[in-house]
Amino acid sequence: MDTETKRALRIAVADDSELVRDKIAQKMQKMQDIDVIWEAKDAQKAIENYEKNKPDILIIDVQLPGISGIEMLKRIKAWEERLTFFIVLTNYPHPILKNKSIEVGADYFFDKTTEFGKVIDVIKSIKLNGTKENNRTFNKT
């Protein structure tokens, strides 16, 4: 077994809601070999954190102080060299926002109100199936 398969899956969260960040962290604490490596309440801090410590999965809210989560994702994808999964989790699941998120590089797009559990399922699937190169089934719906 190589060192890549032994290390924990590294999760980061960019959401202005402390409640959402806490809920995600609590769910992750219950899972083995998954670490929340950083949280950010605004896009600028998320970009700074991402530059210093790139996660395997970044969960992004659309509505963030400063620039939007979609604009943040677009900026990260412009120079991102690592194969990070990007999950957009929002209270605004409008088709226009969904299409724009996918267009700029989101791998998944979920409604916080009705699909929060799907985020956990996706994280479990990524943990089980490995790297982005090996896991090509994305939920664009």
N, C-alpha and C. Protein backbone atom coordinates (compact mmCIF):
# COMPACT_ATOMS: atom_id res chain seq x y z
N MET A 1 0.85 -1.18 0.00
CA MET A 1 0.00 0.00 0.00
C MET A 1 0.89 1.24 0.00
N ASP A 2 0.67 2.15 -0.94
CA ASP A 2 1.52 3.34 -0.99
C ASP A 2 1.03 4.40 -0.01
N THR A 3 1.85 5.43 0.20
CA THR A 3 1.52 6.46 1.20
C THR A 3 0.29 7.26 0.80
N GLU A 4 0.00 7.39 -0.49
CA GLU A 4 -1.16 8.16 -0.92
C GLU A 4 -2.45 7.52 -0.44
N THR A 5 -2.53 6.19 -0.44
CA THR A 5 -3.76 5.54 -0.01
C THR A 5 -3.87 5.50 1.51
N LYS A 6 -2.78 5.72 2.23
CA LYS A 6 -2.80 5.68 3.69
C LYS A 6 -3.24 7.01 4.32
N ARG A 7 -3.01 8.11 3.64
CA ARG A 7 -3.29 9.39 4.27
C ARG A 7 -4.78 9.71 4.26
N ALA A 8 -5.16 10.55 5.19
CA ALA A 8 -6.56 10.94 5.32
C ALA A 8 -6.99 11.81 4.14
N LEU A 9 -8.26 11.73 3.81
CA LEU A 9 -8.85 12.60 2.81
C LEU A 9 -8.97 13.99 3.42
N ARG A 10 -8.48 14.99 2.73
CA ARG A 10 -8.40 16.35 3.27
C ARG A 10 -9.53 17.20 2.70
N ILE A 11 -10.38 17.71 3.60
CA ILE A 11 -11.55 18.49 3.24
C ILE A 11 -11.36 19.94 3.68
N ALA A 12 -11.84 20.89 2.87
CA ALA A 12 -11.86 22.30 3.25
C ALA A 12 -13.26 22.84 2.95
N VAL A 13 -13.65 23.85 3.72
CA VAL A 13 -14.99 24.41 3.59
C VAL A 13 -14.92 25.93 3.50
N ALA A 14 -15.55 26.49 2.46
CA ALA A 14 -15.68 27.94 2.31
C ALA A 14 -17.17 28.27 2.35
N ASP A 15 -17.61 28.74 3.51
CA ASP A 15 -19.03 29.07 3.70
C ASP A 15 -19.12 30.15 4.76
N ASP A 16 -19.95 31.17 4.51
CA ASP A 16 -20.07 32.26 5.47
C ASP A 16 -20.90 31.89 6.69
N SER A 17 -21.59 30.76 6.64
CA SER A 17 -22.40 30.32 7.77
C SER A 17 -21.60 29.43 8.71
N GLU A 18 -21.40 29.91 9.93
CA GLU A 18 -20.71 29.11 10.93
C GLU A 18 -21.47 27.82 11.21
N LEU A 19 -22.78 27.89 11.19
CA LEU A 19 -23.61 26.72 11.41
C LEU A 19 -23.33 25.63 10.37
N VAL A 20 -23.25 26.02 9.10
CA VAL A 20 -22.96 25.06 8.03
C VAL A 20 -21.54 24.50 8.18
N ARG A 21 -20.58 25.37 8.44
CA ARG A 21 -19.20 24.90 8.62
C ARG A 21 -19.12 23.90 9.77
N ASP A 22 -19.80 24.21 10.88
CA ASP A 22 -19.80 23.31 12.04
C ASP A 22 -20.49 21.98 11.71
N LYS A 23 -21.60 22.05 10.99
CA LYS A 23 -22.33 20.83 10.64
C LYS A 23 -21.46 19.91 9.77
N ILE A 24 -20.77 20.49 8.81
CA ILE A 24 -19.88 19.69 7.96
C ILE A 24 -18.75 19.09 8.80
N ALA A 25 -18.14 19.92 9.65
CA ALA A 25 -17.04 19.43 10.49
C ALA A 25 -17.51 18.29 11.40
N GLN A 26 -18.70 18.42 11.98
CA GLN A 26 -19.23 17.37 12.85
C GLN A 26 -19.45 16.07 12.07
N LYS A 27 -19.98 16.17 10.87
CA LYS A 27 -20.20 14.98 10.04
C LYS A 27 -18.86 14.32 9.69
N MET A 28 -17.85 15.13 9.40
CA MET A 28 -16.54 14.60 9.02
C MET A 28 -15.85 13.93 10.20
N GLN A 29 -16.05 14.46 11.41
CA GLN A 29 -15.43 13.88 12.60
C GLN A 29 -15.91 12.46 12.84
N LYS A 30 -17.10 12.13 12.37
CA LYS A 30 -17.66 10.80 12.56
C LYS A 30 -17.10 9.79 11.57
N MET A 31 -16.39 10.27 10.56
CA MET A 31 -15.86 9.39 9.52
C MET A 31 -14.35 9.18 9.71
N GLN A 32 -13.91 7.97 9.50
CA GLN A 32 -12.49 7.66 9.64
C GLN A 32 -11.69 8.17 8.45
N ASP A 33 -10.46 8.56 8.73
CA ASP A 33 -9.51 8.97 7.69
C ASP A 33 -9.99 10.15 6.86
N ILE A 34 -10.72 11.06 7.49
CA ILE A 34 -11.14 12.30 6.84
C ILE A 34 -10.85 13.44 7.80
N ASP A 35 -10.12 14.44 7.32
CA ASP A 35 -9.77 15.60 8.14
C ASP A 35 -10.26 16.87 7.48
N VAL A 36 -10.90 17.74 8.26
CA VAL A 36 -11.20 19.09 7.80
C VAL A 36 -9.94 19.91 8.08
N ILE A 37 -9.23 20.30 7.03
CA ILE A 37 -7.92 20.94 7.21
C ILE A 37 -8.01 22.45 7.38
N TRP A 38 -9.09 23.05 6.86
CA TRP A 38 -9.33 24.47 7.10
C TRP A 38 -10.75 24.83 6.75
N GLU A 39 -11.18 25.97 7.32
CA GLU A 39 -12.49 26.55 7.04
C GLU A 39 -12.28 28.03 6.76
N ALA A 40 -13.14 28.59 5.92
CA ALA A 40 -13.07 30.02 5.62
C ALA A 40 -14.48 30.57 5.54
N LYS A 41 -14.67 31.79 6.07
CA LYS A 41 -16.00 32.41 6.01
C LYS A 41 -16.15 33.39 4.86
N ASP A 42 -15.07 33.60 4.11
CA ASP A 42 -15.16 34.46 2.92
C ASP A 42 -14.23 33.93 1.83
N ALA A 43 -14.45 34.40 0.62
CA ALA A 43 -13.71 33.90 -0.53
C ALA A 43 -12.23 34.23 -0.47
N GLN A 44 -11.88 35.44 -0.04
CA GLN A 44 -10.48 35.84 0.01
C GLN A 44 -9.68 34.93 0.94
N LYS A 45 -10.22 34.65 2.12
CA LYS A 45 -9.54 33.76 3.07
C LYS A 45 -9.45 32.34 2.50
N ALA A 46 -10.50 31.91 1.81
CA ALA A 46 -10.47 30.58 1.19
C ALA A 46 -9.37 30.48 0.14
N ILE A 47 -9.23 31.52 -0.67
CA ILE A 47 -8.17 31.52 -1.69
C ILE A 47 -6.79 31.48 -1.02
N GLU A 48 -6.60 32.28 0.01
CA GLU A 48 -5.33 32.28 0.75
C GLU A 48 -5.05 30.91 1.34
N ASN A 49 -6.05 30.31 1.97
CA ASN A 49 -5.89 28.98 2.55
C ASN A 49 -5.58 27.94 1.49
N TYR A 50 -6.28 28.04 0.35
CA TYR A 50 -6.08 27.08 -0.73
C TYR A 50 -4.65 27.14 -1.26
N GLU A 51 -4.12 28.35 -1.39
CA GLU A 51 -2.75 28.51 -1.89
C GLU A 51 -1.74 27.84 -0.96
N LYS A 52 -2.01 27.88 0.34
CA LYS A 52 -1.08 27.33 1.35
C LYS A 52 -1.28 25.84 1.60
N ASN A 53 -2.52 25.37 1.49
CA ASN A 53 -2.85 24.01 1.92
C ASN A 53 -3.99 23.48 1.06
N LYS A 54 -3.65 22.86 -0.05
CA LYS A 54 -4.65 22.41 -1.02
C LYS A 54 -5.34 21.13 -0.53
N PRO A 55 -6.67 21.16 -0.47
CA PRO A 55 -7.42 19.99 -0.03
C PRO A 55 -7.69 19.01 -1.17
N ASP A 56 -8.15 17.83 -0.81
CA ASP A 56 -8.63 16.88 -1.81
C ASP A 56 -10.03 17.28 -2.27
N ILE A 57 -10.81 17.85 -1.35
CA ILE A 57 -12.18 18.29 -1.62
C ILE A 57 -12.37 19.68 -1.04
N LEU A 58 -12.91 20.59 -1.84
CA LEU A 58 -13.26 21.92 -1.36
C LEU A 58 -14.76 22.11 -1.53
N ILE A 59 -15.46 22.34 -0.42
CA ILE A 59 -16.89 22.60 -0.42
C ILE A 59 -17.08 24.11 -0.41
N ILE A 60 -17.84 24.63 -1.38
CA ILE A 60 -17.95 26.06 -1.60
C ILE A 60 -19.42 26.50 -1.59
N ASP A 61 -19.69 27.57 -0.84
CA ASP A 61 -21.00 28.22 -0.90
C ASP A 61 -20.99 29.23 -2.04
N VAL A 62 -22.11 29.41 -2.71
CA VAL A 62 -22.19 30.39 -3.80
C VAL A 62 -22.12 31.81 -3.25
N GLN A 63 -22.87 32.08 -2.18
CA GLN A 63 -22.94 33.43 -1.61
C GLN A 63 -21.88 33.58 -0.52
N LEU A 64 -20.79 34.24 -0.85
CA LEU A 64 -19.72 34.51 0.11
C LEU A 64 -19.46 36.02 0.17
N PRO A 65 -19.04 36.53 1.32
CA PRO A 65 -18.66 37.94 1.39
C PRO A 65 -17.48 38.22 0.44
N GLY A 66 -17.48 39.39 -0.12
CA GLY A 66 -16.42 39.75 -1.07
C GLY A 66 -16.82 39.28 -2.45
N ILE A 67 -16.11 38.32 -2.98
CA ILE A 67 -16.47 37.76 -4.29
C ILE A 67 -17.32 36.51 -4.07
N SER A 68 -18.06 36.14 -5.08
CA SER A 68 -18.93 34.96 -4.96
C SER A 68 -18.11 33.67 -4.95
N GLY A 69 -18.74 32.61 -4.50
CA GLY A 69 -18.10 31.31 -4.54
C GLY A 69 -17.80 30.87 -5.96
N ILE A 70 -18.66 31.26 -6.89
CA ILE A 70 -18.42 30.91 -8.30
C ILE A 70 -17.19 31.64 -8.83
N GLU A 71 -17.07 32.92 -8.52
CA GLU A 71 -15.89 33.68 -8.95
C GLU A 71 -14.62 33.13 -8.28
N MET A 72 -14.73 32.77 -7.01
CA MET A 72 -13.59 32.17 -6.30
C MET A 72 -13.16 30.89 -6.99
N LEU A 73 -14.12 30.04 -7.32
CA LEU A 73 -13.81 28.78 -8.01
C LEU A 73 -13.15 29.05 -9.35
N LYS A 74 -13.66 30.02 -10.08
CA LYS A 74 -13.08 30.38 -11.38
C LYS A 74 -11.62 30.80 -11.21
N ARG A 75 -11.33 31.61 -10.21
CA ARG A 75 -9.95 32.07 -9.97
C ARG A 75 -9.04 30.91 -9.59
N ILE A 76 -9.53 30.03 -8.73
CA ILE A 76 -8.71 28.88 -8.31
C ILE A 76 -8.44 27.98 -9.52
N LYS A 77 -9.46 27.70 -10.30
CA LYS A 77 -9.30 26.81 -11.45
C LYS A 77 -8.36 27.39 -12.50
N ALA A 78 -8.20 28.73 -12.54
CA ALA A 78 -7.30 29.36 -13.51
C ALA A 78 -5.85 28.99 -13.25
N TRP A 79 -5.48 28.69 -12.00
CA TRP A 79 -4.09 28.34 -11.68
C TRP A 79 -3.95 27.06 -10.89
N GLU A 80 -5.04 26.36 -10.66
CA GLU A 80 -5.01 25.14 -9.87
C GLU A 80 -4.30 24.03 -10.62
N GLU A 81 -3.29 23.46 -9.99
CA GLU A 81 -2.53 22.39 -10.61
C GLU A 81 -2.86 21.03 -9.99
N ARG A 82 -3.46 21.05 -8.83
CA ARG A 82 -3.78 19.82 -8.11
C ARG A 82 -5.17 19.34 -8.49
N LEU A 83 -5.39 18.08 -8.36
CA LEU A 83 -6.69 17.50 -8.72
C LEU A 83 -7.63 17.51 -7.52
N THR A 84 -8.18 18.66 -7.24
CA THR A 84 -9.13 18.84 -6.15
C THR A 84 -10.55 18.66 -6.68
N PHE A 85 -11.39 18.00 -5.89
CA PHE A 85 -12.83 17.96 -6.19
C PHE A 85 -13.45 19.23 -5.65
N PHE A 86 -14.32 19.85 -6.43
CA PHE A 86 -15.01 21.06 -6.01
C PHE A 86 -16.51 20.77 -5.91
N ILE A 87 -17.05 20.96 -4.70
CA ILE A 87 -18.46 20.73 -4.44
C ILE A 87 -19.09 22.08 -4.09
N VAL A 88 -20.05 22.50 -4.89
CA VAL A 88 -20.80 23.72 -4.58
C VAL A 88 -22.03 23.29 -3.78
N LEU A 89 -22.19 23.91 -2.62
CA LEU A 89 -23.30 23.63 -1.71
C LEU A 89 -23.97 24.96 -1.40
N THR A 90 -25.22 25.12 -1.80
CA THR A 90 -25.84 26.45 -1.76
C THR A 90 -27.30 26.42 -1.34
N ASN A 91 -27.77 27.55 -0.84
CA ASN A 91 -29.19 27.76 -0.59
C ASN A 91 -29.87 28.34 -1.82
N TYR A 92 -29.11 28.58 -2.88
CA TYR A 92 -29.62 29.19 -4.11
C TYR A 92 -29.40 28.24 -5.29
N PRO A 93 -30.19 27.17 -5.36
CA PRO A 93 -29.97 26.15 -6.41
C PRO A 93 -30.59 26.49 -7.76
N HIS A 94 -30.52 27.74 -8.14
CA HIS A 94 -31.10 28.18 -9.41
C HIS A 94 -30.32 27.58 -10.59
N PRO A 95 -31.01 27.19 -11.64
CA PRO A 95 -30.34 26.60 -12.81
C PRO A 95 -29.20 27.46 -13.37
N ILE A 96 -29.37 28.77 -13.36
CA ILE A 96 -28.31 29.65 -13.88
C ILE A 96 -27.04 29.51 -13.03
N LEU A 97 -27.19 29.49 -11.71
CA LEU A 97 -26.04 29.34 -10.81
C LEU A 97 -25.42 27.96 -10.95
N LYS A 98 -26.26 26.96 -11.10
CA LYS A 98 -25.76 25.60 -11.29
C LYS A 98 -24.95 25.50 -12.57
N ASN A 99 -25.50 26.00 -13.66
CA ASN A 99 -24.79 25.93 -14.94
C ASN A 99 -23.48 26.71 -14.90
N LYS A 100 -23.49 27.88 -14.29
CA LYS A 100 -22.28 28.68 -14.18
C LYS A 100 -21.23 27.97 -13.32
N SER A 101 -21.67 27.36 -12.22
CA SER A 101 -20.74 26.63 -11.34
C SER A 101 -20.06 25.49 -12.10
N ILE A 102 -20.84 24.74 -12.83
CA ILE A 102 -20.29 23.63 -13.60
C ILE A 102 -19.38 24.14 -14.70
N GLU A 103 -19.78 25.23 -15.34
CA GLU A 103 -18.98 25.83 -16.41
C GLU A 103 -17.59 26.24 -15.92
N VAL A 104 -17.49 26.77 -14.70
CA VAL A 104 -16.18 27.22 -14.20
C VAL A 104 -15.40 26.12 -13.49
N GLY A 105 -16.00 24.92 -13.32
CA GLY A 105 -15.20 23.82 -12.81
C GLY A 105 -15.74 23.04 -11.63
N ALA A 106 -16.96 23.30 -11.19
CA ALA A 106 -17.52 22.51 -10.09
C ALA A 106 -17.75 21.07 -10.55
N ASP A 107 -17.43 20.13 -9.70
CA ASP A 107 -17.67 18.73 -10.00
C ASP A 107 -19.07 18.31 -9.55
N TYR A 108 -19.57 18.98 -8.53
CA TYR A 108 -20.89 18.68 -7.96
C TYR A 108 -21.56 19.98 -7.58
N PHE A 109 -22.89 19.98 -7.59
CA PHE A 109 -23.68 21.15 -7.21
C PHE A 109 -24.88 20.64 -6.42
N PHE A 110 -25.00 21.06 -5.16
CA PHE A 110 -26.08 20.57 -4.31
C PHE A 110 -26.79 21.71 -3.59
N ASP A 111 -28.08 21.50 -3.34
CA ASP A 111 -28.92 22.40 -2.57
C ASP A 111 -28.73 22.07 -1.09
N LYS A 112 -28.38 23.06 -0.28
CA LYS A 112 -28.18 22.83 1.16
C LYS A 112 -29.44 22.30 1.83
N THR A 113 -30.58 22.78 1.41
CA THR A 113 -31.83 22.42 2.07
C THR A 113 -32.26 20.99 1.80
N THR A 114 -32.14 20.55 0.56
CA THR A 114 -32.68 19.23 0.20
C THR A 114 -31.63 18.17 -0.12
N GLU A 115 -30.37 18.58 -0.31
CA GLU A 115 -29.36 17.61 -0.76
C GLU A 115 -28.11 17.57 0.12
N PHE A 116 -28.19 18.09 1.33
CA PHE A 116 -27.01 18.13 2.19
C PHE A 116 -26.41 16.73 2.38
N GLY A 117 -27.25 15.74 2.55
CA GLY A 117 -26.77 14.37 2.74
C GLY A 117 -26.00 13.83 1.55
N LYS A 118 -26.30 14.34 0.37
CA LYS A 118 -25.57 13.89 -0.83
C LYS A 118 -24.10 14.30 -0.78
N VAL A 119 -23.80 15.41 -0.12
CA VAL A 119 -22.41 15.83 0.02
C VAL A 119 -21.63 14.76 0.79
N ILE A 120 -22.23 14.27 1.85
CA ILE A 120 -21.58 13.22 2.66
C ILE A 120 -21.41 11.96 1.81
N ASP A 121 -22.42 11.60 1.04
CA ASP A 121 -22.32 10.43 0.17
C ASP A 121 -21.20 10.58 -0.85
N VAL A 122 -21.06 11.77 -1.43
CA VAL A 122 -20.00 12.02 -2.41
C VAL A 122 -18.63 11.90 -1.74
N ILE A 123 -18.49 12.46 -0.56
CA ILE A 123 -17.21 12.39 0.16
C ILE A 123 -16.86 10.92 0.46
N LYS A 124 -17.84 10.15 0.88
CA LYS A 124 -17.60 8.72 1.12
C LYS A 124 -17.19 8.02 -0.16
N SER A 125 -17.82 8.36 -1.27
CA SER A 125 -17.49 7.76 -2.56
C SER A 125 -16.07 8.13 -2.99
N ILE A 126 -15.71 9.38 -2.83
CA ILE A 126 -14.35 9.82 -3.19
C ILE A 126 -13.33 9.10 -2.32
N LYS A 127 -13.63 8.99 -1.03
CA LYS A 127 -12.73 8.29 -0.11
C LYS A 127 -12.54 6.84 -0.55
N LEU A 128 -13.62 6.22 -0.94
CA LEU A 128 -13.57 4.82 -1.36
C LEU A 128 -12.89 4.62 -2.70
N ASN A 129 -13.16 5.52 -3.65
CA ASN A 129 -12.68 5.34 -5.02
C ASN A 129 -11.35 5.99 -5.34
N GLY A 130 -10.85 6.84 -4.47
CA GLY A 130 -9.52 7.39 -4.69
C GLY A 130 -9.51 8.74 -5.35
N THR A 131 -8.51 8.96 -6.17
CA THR A 131 -8.22 10.27 -6.73
C THR A 131 -9.22 10.70 -7.79
N LYS A 132 -9.17 11.95 -8.15
CA LYS A 132 -10.05 12.49 -9.17
C LYS A 132 -9.82 11.78 -10.50
N GLU A 133 -8.60 11.42 -10.79
CA GLU A 133 -8.31 10.72 -12.04
C GLU A 133 -9.04 9.38 -12.10
N ASN A 134 -9.21 8.73 -10.95
CA ASN A 134 -9.86 7.44 -10.91
C ASN A 134 -11.37 7.54 -10.73
N ASN A 135 -11.89 8.70 -10.37
CA ASN A 135 -13.29 8.85 -10.03
C ASN A 135 -13.93 9.84 -11.00
N ARG A 136 -14.40 9.35 -12.12
CA ARG A 136 -14.89 10.23 -13.19
C ARG A 136 -16.42 10.35 -13.22
N THR A 137 -17.13 9.82 -12.25
CA THR A 137 -18.58 9.93 -12.22
C THR A 137 -18.95 11.16 -11.41
N PHE A 138 -19.42 12.20 -12.07
CA PHE A 138 -19.75 13.44 -11.40
C PHE A 138 -21.25 13.68 -11.45
N ASN A 139 -21.77 14.31 -10.42
CA ASN A 139 -23.19 14.64 -10.35
C ASN A 139 -23.37 16.06 -10.86
N LYS A 140 -23.72 16.20 -12.09
CA LYS A 140 -23.95 17.51 -12.67
C LYS A 140 -25.43 17.88 -12.60
N THR A 141 -26.23 17.02 -12.01
CA THR A 141 -27.68 17.29 -11.95
C THR A 141 -28.09 17.84 -10.63
